[in-house]
Amino acid sequence: MNEAVFFNPGDAIASSQDFKEARRSAQIIKAERPTGRQIVIAENDKNGVYAVYYADSANKDQSGIAHHIKDQI
């Protein structure tokens, strides 16, 4: 997936400088809080930090910080 997706950094469930650590956090969140909502791991285009978001928290109006989706759980 190569398109920019916009998220508000305050909506992040978790974040990390390391992709593997962010993915591990996403897996733990999914296991501890079962929900039908999809979780995504996105890389911040400005600072390279990986953040974990619920996919439905993306801003449709392109406000917020641009991210690129790296994985979906």
C-alpha atoms as a PDB file:
ATOM      1  CA  MET A   1       0.000   0.000   0.000  1.00  0.00           C
ATOM      2  CA  ASN A   2       1.689   3.210  -1.120  1.00  0.00           C
ATOM      3  CA  GLU A   3      -0.901   5.936  -0.605  1.00  0.00           C
ATOM      4  CA  ALA A   4      -0.733   8.418   2.268  1.00  0.00           C
ATOM      5  CA  VAL A   5      -3.292   7.911   5.033  1.00  0.00           C
ATOM      6  CA  PHE A   6      -3.874  10.632   7.611  1.00  0.00           C
ATOM      7  CA  PHE A   7      -4.112   9.987  11.349  1.00  0.00           C
ATOM      8  CA  ASN A   8      -4.211  12.190  14.416  1.00  0.00           C
ATOM      9  CA  PRO A   9      -1.180  11.127  16.511  1.00  0.00           C
ATOM     10  CA  GLY A  10      -3.337  11.420  19.641  1.00  0.00           C
ATOM     11  CA  ASP A  11      -5.451   8.498  18.369  1.00  0.00           C
ATOM     12  CA  ALA A  12      -2.489   6.094  18.407  1.00  0.00           C
ATOM     13  CA  ILE A  13      -2.938   3.020  20.579  1.00  0.00           C
ATOM     14  CA  ALA A  14       0.836   2.449  20.750  1.00  0.00           C
ATOM     15  CA  SER A  15       3.991   3.668  19.033  1.00  0.00           C
ATOM     16  CA  SER A  16       7.618   2.649  18.643  1.00  0.00           C
ATOM     17  CA  GLN A  17      10.770   3.421  16.672  1.00  0.00           C
ATOM     18  CA  ASP A  18      11.007  -0.309  15.841  1.00  0.00           C
ATOM     19  CA  PHE A  19       8.524  -1.968  13.453  1.00  0.00           C
ATOM     20  CA  LYS A  20       8.759  -5.384  15.139  1.00  0.00           C
ATOM     21  CA  GLU A  21       8.004  -3.860  18.531  1.00  0.00           C
ATOM     22  CA  ALA A  22       5.017  -1.939  17.115  1.00  0.00           C
ATOM     23  CA  ARG A  23       3.694  -5.143  15.506  1.00  0.00           C
ATOM     24  CA  ARG A  24       4.114  -7.043  18.775  1.00  0.00           C
ATOM     25  CA  SER A  25       2.178  -4.297  20.592  1.00  0.00           C
ATOM     26  CA  ALA A  26      -0.605  -4.523  17.993  1.00  0.00           C
ATOM     27  CA  GLN A  27      -0.828  -8.297  18.439  1.00  0.00           C
ATOM     28  CA  ILE A  28      -1.040  -7.934  22.231  1.00  0.00           C
ATOM     29  CA  ILE A  29      -3.743  -5.279  21.937  1.00  0.00           C
ATOM     30  CA  LYS A  30      -5.744  -7.466  19.535  1.00  0.00           C
ATOM     31  CA  ALA A  31      -5.466 -10.463  21.896  1.00  0.00           C
ATOM     32  CA  GLU A  32      -6.287  -8.563  25.104  1.00  0.00           C
ATOM     33  CA  ARG A  33      -9.116  -6.433  23.713  1.00  0.00           C
ATOM     34  CA  PRO A  34     -10.947  -8.560  21.128  1.00  0.00           C
ATOM     35  CA  THR A  35     -12.871  -6.380  18.720  1.00  0.00           C
ATOM     36  CA  GLY A  36     -14.086  -6.492  15.152  1.00  0.00           C
ATOM     37  CA  ARG A  37     -12.122  -3.335  14.384  1.00  0.00           C
ATOM     38  CA  GLN A  38      -9.068  -3.756  12.180  1.00  0.00           C
ATOM     39  CA  ILE A  39      -5.712  -2.612  13.571  1.00  0.00           C
ATOM     40  CA  VAL A  40      -3.034  -1.078  11.338  1.00  0.00           C
ATOM     41  CA  ILE A  41       0.625  -0.295  11.857  1.00  0.00           C
ATOM     42  CA  ALA A  42       1.532   2.915  10.073  1.00  0.00           C
ATOM     43  CA  GLU A  43       4.823   4.748   9.612  1.00  0.00           C
ATOM     44  CA  ASN A  44       4.804   8.503  10.209  1.00  0.00           C
ATOM     45  CA  ASP A  45       6.132  10.168   7.039  1.00  0.00           C
ATOM     46  CA  LYS A  46       7.823  12.974   8.988  1.00  0.00           C
ATOM     47  CA  ASN A  47       9.728  11.182  11.740  1.00  0.00           C
ATOM     48  CA  GLY A  48       9.651   7.487  10.800  1.00  0.00           C
ATOM     49  CA  VAL A  49       7.934   6.403  14.032  1.00  0.00           C
ATOM     50  CA  TYR A  50       5.608   3.408  13.743  1.00  0.00           C
ATOM     51  CA  ALA A  51       2.205   3.842  15.353  1.00  0.00           C
ATOM     52  CA  VAL A  52      -0.645   1.428  15.950  1.00  0.00           C
ATOM     53  CA  TYR A  53      -4.135   2.691  15.089  1.00  0.00           C
ATOM     54  CA  TYR A  54      -7.605   1.346  14.585  1.00  0.00           C
ATOM     55  CA  ALA A  55      -8.101   1.501  10.802  1.00  0.00           C
ATOM     56  CA  ASP A  56     -11.401   3.366  11.140  1.00  0.00           C
ATOM     57  CA  SER A  57      -9.684   6.272  12.925  1.00  0.00           C
ATOM     58  CA  ALA A  58      -8.108   7.480   9.653  1.00  0.00           C
ATOM     59  CA  ASN A  59      -9.112  11.040   8.794  1.00  0.00           C
ATOM     60  CA  LYS A  60     -11.090  11.145   5.571  1.00  0.00           C
ATOM     61  CA  ASP A  61     -10.571  14.905   5.181  1.00  0.00           C
ATOM     62  CA  GLN A  62      -6.757  14.557   4.985  1.00  0.00           C
ATOM     63  CA  SER A  63      -6.207  16.402   8.255  1.00  0.00           C
ATOM     64  CA  GLY A  64      -3.580  15.133  10.651  1.00  0.00           C
ATOM     65  CA  ILE A  65      -0.185  13.608   9.934  1.00  0.00           C
ATOM     66  CA  ALA A  66       0.528  11.589   6.789  1.00  0.00           C
ATOM     67  CA  HIS A  67       1.376   7.919   7.379  1.00  0.00           C
ATOM     68  CA  HIS A  68       1.925   4.889   5.198  1.00  0.00           C
ATOM     69  CA  ILE A  69       0.348   1.593   6.230  1.00  0.00           C
ATOM     70  CA  LYS A  70       2.998  -1.087   6.806  1.00  0.00           C
ATOM     71  CA  ASP A  71       0.850  -3.929   8.156  1.00  0.00           C
ATOM     72  CA  GLN A  72      -2.753  -4.795   9.044  1.00  0.00           C
ATOM     73  CA  ILE A  73      -3.957  -7.119  11.799  1.00  0.00           C
END
